[in-house]
Structures are given as C-alpha cells and as structure tokens.
Amino acid sequence: AQSRAFSETADFRPIATPQPGDWLAEHHERGQSFERFQRSSPNQPDNARQTIYVQPLGATEGAPLDALTRFTADYFQLPVKTLPTLSLEALRVTERDNDGVRQLLAPELLTRLAERLPDDAYCLIGVTMTDLYPDPEWNFVFGYASLSERVGVHSLARYDPAFYGRDVSAPVRDALVLERGAKVMAHELGHMFGMQHCVYYDCVMNGSNHLDESDDKPMHLCPLCLRKLQASVGFDPGARYQRLGARYEALGLSRDAEWARRRAAFVTTGDASAAP
C-alpha cells in the first residue's frame, strides 16, 4: 500500500511552466529529492516531542482556529493543541506601515516563538490576522517557517477578500479564509518537517508569490512530499487519506474530500479504477 501511495498517477500533475510573477519565475530552486531530504537530517517527532502547538497572535476574530486545528491533526497525524492568545505588544516585534497596512517582521516573530516552545512540542506555529513581511526589501509574505528550529508563523490577513476591498457574503468569506488558511498551515508546517518547496508537481509545498498562485495550488502533498512526511511521522497513508476525506467533508471542502476518498481507495485496495 505504501508503494501505491508514493507512485505517480493522474491524481498528480507535473508542475506547470511558471508565468511572469510566479514564484519559480523569480526564485531559482533546484528541488529536494527524497535522498536530499534524508541527508538533511530533518527533525522528527518522538515520544517526548510529538505535539503540534498552534499559537494565536493578537486579535484573531474571524480566524477559523478550531477548524484549522482539527484539519492539522488529520493532515499530519499528530496531536494538536491550541495555546492561549498572545498579544502582539507582549512579543515586542519590529513592525512597519506598508501603504497603510500594519506588518510584523516574521523572522523576529520566529525568534520570540522559539523562546516559548513547550517541552513536549514537536513544533509551534503562530497564526495571526496581521500582515507579515520577511525583510525590508519584500512587500509581504503569507507565511514564514524555519526548516530546523521547529517554529513558524502565517497570516490570514490577505486571505480575507476585505483586505482587497472586495465585499462578499459572510459564508463566501469564511469558506475562502478556511481553505486558504488550511493550505498555508499545511505548507508552513511542511517546512518544519524539513520539506523544501516542491518543484516537481502541483503540490501544497509549491512556493507562491501572489494570491492567485496560492489559490491554484492543491491542498494535497504530491507523492514525493507525502513520502517525506510519512518517513518522519510513520503514519498509514491509506488511513490518513480516509481521515482527511472525512475531515474535508466536515469542513465543507467537498472537492478535496472526493479526491482524498479516491486516493484512500486506490492506496488501500490497489483498485486502479479509483484513480482517474
């Protein structure tokens, strides 16, 4: 079953040629094979450190924290706990005004979060509704994580249509923030398991320079990145897909639910008709 989980099928599309403004058009990345991943000696959960902690940062009204926590537990097959909210003022992080948008310096946030890493934590990820920037030369960043220090942060600010002055209904807004937030949560946590950006397939680990590029990438890990995560966590890929199918359905992500159930059937039974 594991070999089927990591094999190429039509469920996974090779990554398309980047268009001007896309991540790979502006960032040369050589790619991370499974062998390179192993040689990097990535962090791995163990009996003493296996919990993923979610740290709300500042006011988080409108952030689907409970849904993201449940999603994360099924996606990574590890325990997940949410910590009490930390005020941004208490963290004393450098910030700036970027054309009227308040932004926090992401690398400093990681330093502050690393100081608060619980003893039983595999990793800790901050979630904020405040925009982020990684460097004075950059306009913004959706998320930021360390491949080695087991900390990361992501912002939901730009996932709300209101950020761009768009007026949409509350259900549409909530669905967009949840789907986009789940993708960036999976992406930044993937970095904390030692995974670099994927340059081989359409994959949640693809880099993204802008919102359209983020929206275009899938929720799932490609076969190569799934193999990396499985090597670190040790889950049953078929059972993981089954749980994800149920979780996606509960979250209203019906297209992802159908995809995950199809993958579960193929990985578990080898039924070729389960894969298109």
Protein backbone atom coordinates (compact mmCIF):
# COMPACT_ATOMS: atom_id res chain seq x y z
CA ALA A 1 0.00 0.00 0.00
CA GLN A 2 2.82 2.40 0.77
CA SER A 3 4.36 1.90 -2.66
CA ARG A 4 0.99 2.79 -4.21
CA ALA A 5 0.79 5.90 -2.02
CA PHE A 6 4.10 7.16 -3.37
CA SER A 7 3.60 6.20 -7.02
CA GLU A 8 2.71 8.58 -9.82
CA THR A 9 -0.88 8.54 -11.03
CA ALA A 10 -3.06 11.01 -12.88
CA ASP A 11 -4.09 12.36 -9.47
CA PHE A 12 -0.84 14.33 -9.50
CA ARG A 13 0.02 16.84 -12.22
CA PRO A 14 3.58 17.87 -13.06
CA ILE A 15 4.15 21.49 -12.14
CA ALA A 16 3.41 23.89 -14.98
CA THR A 17 5.90 26.28 -16.55
CA PRO A 18 5.89 29.36 -14.32
CA GLN A 19 4.36 32.54 -15.66
CA PRO A 20 5.86 36.01 -15.10
CA GLY A 21 5.44 36.96 -11.45
CA ASP A 22 5.08 33.35 -10.27
CA TRP A 23 7.35 32.01 -7.54
CA LEU A 24 9.61 29.88 -9.74
CA ALA A 25 9.89 32.68 -12.30
CA GLU A 26 11.59 34.78 -9.64
CA HIS A 27 13.24 32.21 -7.36
CA HIS A 28 15.61 29.54 -8.67
CA GLU A 29 15.08 26.37 -6.63
CA ARG A 30 16.87 23.14 -7.50
CA GLY A 31 14.35 20.88 -5.84
CA GLN A 32 14.66 18.46 -2.93
CA SER A 33 14.74 14.77 -3.81
CA PHE A 34 13.89 12.20 -1.16
CA GLU A 35 17.60 11.45 -0.85
CA ARG A 36 18.44 15.12 -0.31
CA PHE A 37 15.66 15.30 2.25
CA GLN A 38 17.12 12.34 4.16
CA ARG A 39 20.65 13.74 4.01
CA SER A 40 19.42 16.98 5.58
CA SER A 41 18.68 15.05 8.82
CA PRO A 42 15.25 16.67 9.29
CA ASN A 43 13.59 16.96 12.67
CA GLN A 44 11.26 14.08 13.50
CA PRO A 45 8.62 13.65 16.19
CA ASP A 46 9.45 11.24 19.01
CA ASN A 47 7.76 10.01 22.18
CA ALA A 48 8.83 13.10 24.11
CA ARG A 49 8.08 15.68 21.40
CA GLN A 50 5.13 14.90 19.17
CA THR A 51 2.55 17.65 19.70
CA ILE A 52 1.95 20.45 17.19
CA TYR A 53 1.10 23.67 19.03
CA VAL A 54 -0.96 26.44 17.44
CA GLN A 55 -0.27 29.89 18.87
CA PRO A 56 -2.86 32.63 18.14
CA LEU A 57 -1.15 36.02 17.90
CA GLY A 58 -3.12 39.19 18.57
CA ALA A 59 -6.79 39.65 17.74
CA THR A 60 -8.00 36.62 15.79
CA GLU A 61 -11.69 37.41 15.27
CA GLY A 62 -12.74 35.76 12.04
CA ALA A 63 -9.92 33.22 12.13
CA PRO A 64 -11.21 29.61 11.90
CA LEU A 65 -8.79 28.37 14.57
CA ASP A 66 -10.83 25.35 15.70
CA ALA A 67 -11.30 24.14 12.14
CA LEU A 68 -7.62 24.65 11.32
CA THR A 69 -6.60 22.74 14.45
CA ARG A 70 -8.77 19.73 13.54
CA PHE A 71 -7.52 19.86 9.96
CA THR A 72 -3.90 19.92 11.12
CA ALA A 73 -4.35 16.87 13.36
CA ASP A 74 -5.68 14.79 10.47
CA TYR A 75 -3.22 16.16 7.91
CA PHE A 76 -0.10 15.44 9.97
CA GLN A 77 -1.48 12.56 12.05
CA LEU A 78 -0.17 14.07 15.28
CA PRO A 79 -1.77 15.60 18.40
CA VAL A 80 -2.53 19.33 18.06
CA LYS A 81 -3.14 21.81 20.87
CA THR A 82 -4.08 25.49 20.75
CA LEU A 83 -2.36 27.82 23.22
CA PRO A 84 -3.90 30.92 24.84
CA THR A 85 -3.68 34.01 22.65
CA LEU A 86 -0.53 36.14 22.91
CA SER A 87 -0.81 39.89 22.48
CA LEU A 88 1.37 41.38 19.77
CA GLU A 89 2.50 44.07 22.20
CA ALA A 90 3.87 41.44 24.59
CA LEU A 91 6.04 40.00 21.82
CA ARG A 92 7.77 43.33 21.08
CA VAL A 93 8.34 42.57 17.40
CA THR A 94 9.51 45.10 14.82
CA GLU A 95 6.65 46.32 12.68
CA ARG A 96 6.10 48.76 9.85
CA ASP A 97 3.38 50.55 7.94
CA ASN A 98 3.30 49.45 4.31
CA ASP A 99 0.90 51.71 2.40
CA GLY A 100 -1.46 51.78 5.36
CA VAL A 101 -1.10 48.07 6.18
CA ARG A 102 0.36 47.10 9.56
CA GLN A 103 3.01 44.42 9.11
CA LEU A 104 5.09 42.35 11.54
CA LEU A 105 8.68 41.26 10.87
CA ALA A 106 8.33 37.48 10.53
CA PRO A 107 11.91 36.40 11.43
CA GLU A 108 11.64 38.24 14.75
CA LEU A 109 8.33 36.52 15.42
CA LEU A 110 10.05 33.16 14.94
CA THR A 111 12.72 34.12 17.47
CA ARG A 112 10.04 35.03 20.03
CA LEU A 113 8.08 31.84 19.35
CA ALA A 114 11.19 29.67 19.70
CA GLU A 115 11.61 31.05 23.23
CA ARG A 116 8.12 29.76 24.04
CA LEU A 117 8.36 26.27 22.53
CA PRO A 118 6.76 23.84 25.03
CA ASP A 119 8.90 20.93 26.20
CA ASP A 120 6.60 18.34 24.59
CA ALA A 121 6.22 20.27 21.32
CA TYR A 122 7.30 18.84 18.03
CA CYS A 123 6.75 22.33 16.66
CA LEU A 124 4.85 25.56 17.20
CA ILE A 125 3.09 27.64 14.55
CA GLY A 126 1.79 31.13 15.10
CA VAL A 127 -1.45 32.29 13.45
CA THR A 128 -2.28 35.97 13.09
CA MET A 129 -4.67 38.26 11.27
CA THR A 130 -1.88 40.86 10.95
CA ASP A 131 0.14 41.01 7.74
CA LEU A 132 3.77 39.82 7.68
CA TYR A 133 7.00 40.75 5.92
CA PRO A 134 10.28 38.78 5.94
CA ASP A 135 12.72 41.52 5.01
CA PRO A 136 12.61 45.29 4.33
CA GLU A 137 13.09 44.55 0.62
CA TRP A 138 9.95 42.41 0.44
CA ASN A 139 6.39 43.64 0.13
CA PHE A 140 4.82 40.85 2.22
CA VAL A 141 4.87 37.12 2.90
CA PHE A 142 1.95 34.73 3.51
CA GLY A 143 3.93 32.65 5.99
CA TYR A 144 7.44 32.06 7.27
CA ALA A 145 8.99 28.99 8.90
CA SER A 146 12.32 27.52 9.90
CA LEU A 147 13.33 24.14 8.48
CA SER A 148 15.39 23.40 11.60
CA GLU A 149 14.09 25.37 14.61
CA ARG A 150 10.55 23.88 14.65
CA VAL A 151 8.78 27.24 14.62
CA GLY A 152 6.78 29.11 12.01
CA VAL A 153 4.07 31.71 11.55
CA HIS A 154 1.42 32.51 8.99
CA SER A 155 -1.03 35.33 8.45
CA LEU A 156 -4.64 35.09 7.33
CA ALA A 157 -4.81 38.81 6.54
CA ARG A 158 -4.53 38.54 2.75
CA TYR A 159 -6.90 35.58 2.58
CA ASP A 160 -9.88 37.77 3.51
CA PRO A 161 -11.41 39.42 0.41
CA ALA A 162 -11.98 42.54 2.55
CA PHE A 163 -8.20 43.07 2.50
CA TYR A 164 -8.54 43.91 -1.19
CA GLY A 165 -11.71 45.95 -0.72
CA ARG A 166 -13.96 43.16 -2.01
CA ASP A 167 -17.41 42.87 -0.48
CA VAL A 168 -18.56 39.25 -0.30
CA SER A 169 -21.12 37.43 1.82
CA ALA A 170 -20.03 36.05 5.19
CA PRO A 171 -20.30 32.38 4.07
CA VAL A 172 -18.14 33.05 0.99
CA ARG A 173 -15.60 34.93 3.09
CA ASP A 174 -15.47 32.20 5.74
CA ALA A 175 -15.03 29.45 3.14
CA LEU A 176 -12.20 31.32 1.40
CA VAL A 177 -10.33 32.08 4.63
CA LEU A 178 -10.66 28.46 5.77
CA GLU A 179 -9.47 26.89 2.52
CA ARG A 180 -6.60 29.34 2.08
CA GLY A 181 -5.67 29.12 5.75
CA ALA A 182 -5.57 25.33 5.66
CA LYS A 183 -3.23 25.40 2.67
CA VAL A 184 -0.77 27.80 4.26
CA MET A 185 -0.95 25.90 7.56
CA ALA A 186 -0.03 22.66 5.77
CA HIS A 187 2.69 24.45 3.78
CA GLU A 188 4.44 26.14 6.70
CA LEU A 189 4.20 23.03 8.89
CA GLY A 190 5.65 21.05 5.99
CA HIS A 191 8.71 23.28 6.17
CA MET A 192 9.00 22.45 9.87
CA PHE A 193 9.27 18.79 8.90
CA GLY A 194 12.28 19.69 6.74
CA MET A 195 10.49 19.87 3.39
CA GLN A 196 11.70 22.49 0.95
CA HIS A 197 9.50 23.91 -1.80
CA CYS A 198 8.27 21.33 -4.29
CA VAL A 199 9.29 22.00 -7.90
CA TYR A 200 8.09 18.70 -9.39
CA TYR A 201 4.29 18.53 -9.06
CA ASP A 202 1.30 20.70 -8.27
CA CYS A 203 1.64 20.36 -4.50
CA VAL A 204 0.79 22.22 -1.32
CA MET A 205 4.56 22.67 -0.89
CA ASN A 206 4.84 24.81 -4.04
CA GLY A 207 6.09 28.32 -3.39
CA SER A 208 3.67 31.15 -4.12
CA ASN A 209 4.31 34.80 -4.88
CA HIS A 210 0.72 36.00 -5.03
CA LEU A 211 -2.82 35.03 -4.07
CA ASP A 212 -3.79 33.58 -7.46
CA GLU A 213 -0.79 31.26 -7.28
CA SER A 214 -1.76 30.21 -3.76
CA ASP A 215 -5.34 29.56 -4.83
CA ASP A 216 -4.19 27.47 -7.79
CA LYS A 217 -2.09 25.04 -5.78
CA PRO A 218 -3.83 21.99 -4.33
CA MET A 219 -4.46 21.11 -0.71
CA HIS A 220 -2.59 17.83 -1.03
CA LEU A 221 1.02 16.72 -0.87
CA CYS A 222 2.45 15.19 -4.03
CA PRO A 223 3.77 11.59 -3.84
CA LEU A 224 7.33 12.74 -3.15
CA CYS A 225 6.42 15.16 -0.37
CA LEU A 226 3.98 12.63 1.11
CA ARG A 227 6.84 10.12 1.25
CA LYS A 228 8.97 12.66 3.13
CA LEU A 229 6.26 13.33 5.70
CA GLN A 230 5.47 9.64 6.11
CA ALA A 231 9.15 8.86 6.69
CA SER A 232 9.17 11.37 9.55
CA VAL A 233 5.81 10.60 11.18
CA GLY A 234 5.25 6.93 10.27
CA PHE A 235 1.51 7.03 9.51
CA ASP A 236 -0.51 4.67 7.32
CA PRO A 237 -1.05 6.65 4.07
CA GLY A 238 -4.36 4.98 3.25
CA ALA A 239 -5.80 5.60 6.72
CA ARG A 240 -4.57 9.20 6.57
CA TYR A 241 -6.39 9.75 3.27
CA GLN A 242 -9.56 8.24 4.77
CA ARG A 243 -9.45 10.58 7.75
CA LEU A 244 -8.71 13.55 5.53
CA GLY A 245 -11.69 12.70 3.34
CA ALA A 246 -13.98 12.82 6.37
CA ARG A 247 -12.33 15.99 7.67
CA TYR A 248 -12.61 17.82 4.34
CA GLU A 249 -16.28 16.86 4.13
CA ALA A 250 -16.90 18.21 7.62
CA LEU A 251 -15.18 21.47 6.69
CA GLY A 252 -17.22 21.90 3.51
CA LEU A 253 -14.27 21.15 1.20
CA SER A 254 -16.22 18.68 -0.93
CA ARG A 255 -13.82 18.60 -3.89
CA ASP A 256 -10.87 17.82 -1.63
CA ALA A 257 -12.98 15.24 0.21
CA GLU A 258 -13.75 13.41 -3.03
CA TRP A 259 -10.08 13.48 -4.04
CA ALA A 260 -8.92 12.11 -0.67
CA ARG A 261 -11.52 9.32 -0.66
CA ARG A 262 -10.44 8.30 -4.16
CA ARG A 263 -6.80 8.22 -3.07
CA ALA A 264 -7.71 6.21 0.03
CA ALA A 265 -9.44 3.59 -2.10
CA PHE A 266 -6.54 3.35 -4.53
CA VAL A 267 -3.83 3.21 -1.85
CA THR A 268 -5.74 0.73 0.32
CA THR A 269 -7.05 -1.69 -2.31
CA GLY A 270 -4.94 -1.06 -5.39
CA ASP A 271 -8.14 -0.64 -7.39
CA ALA A 272 -6.93 1.17 -10.50
CA SER A 273 -10.45 2.40 -11.17
CA ALA A 274 -10.14 4.50 -8.02
CA ALA A 275 -7.51 6.63 -9.75
CA PRO A 276 -8.59 8.55 -12.87
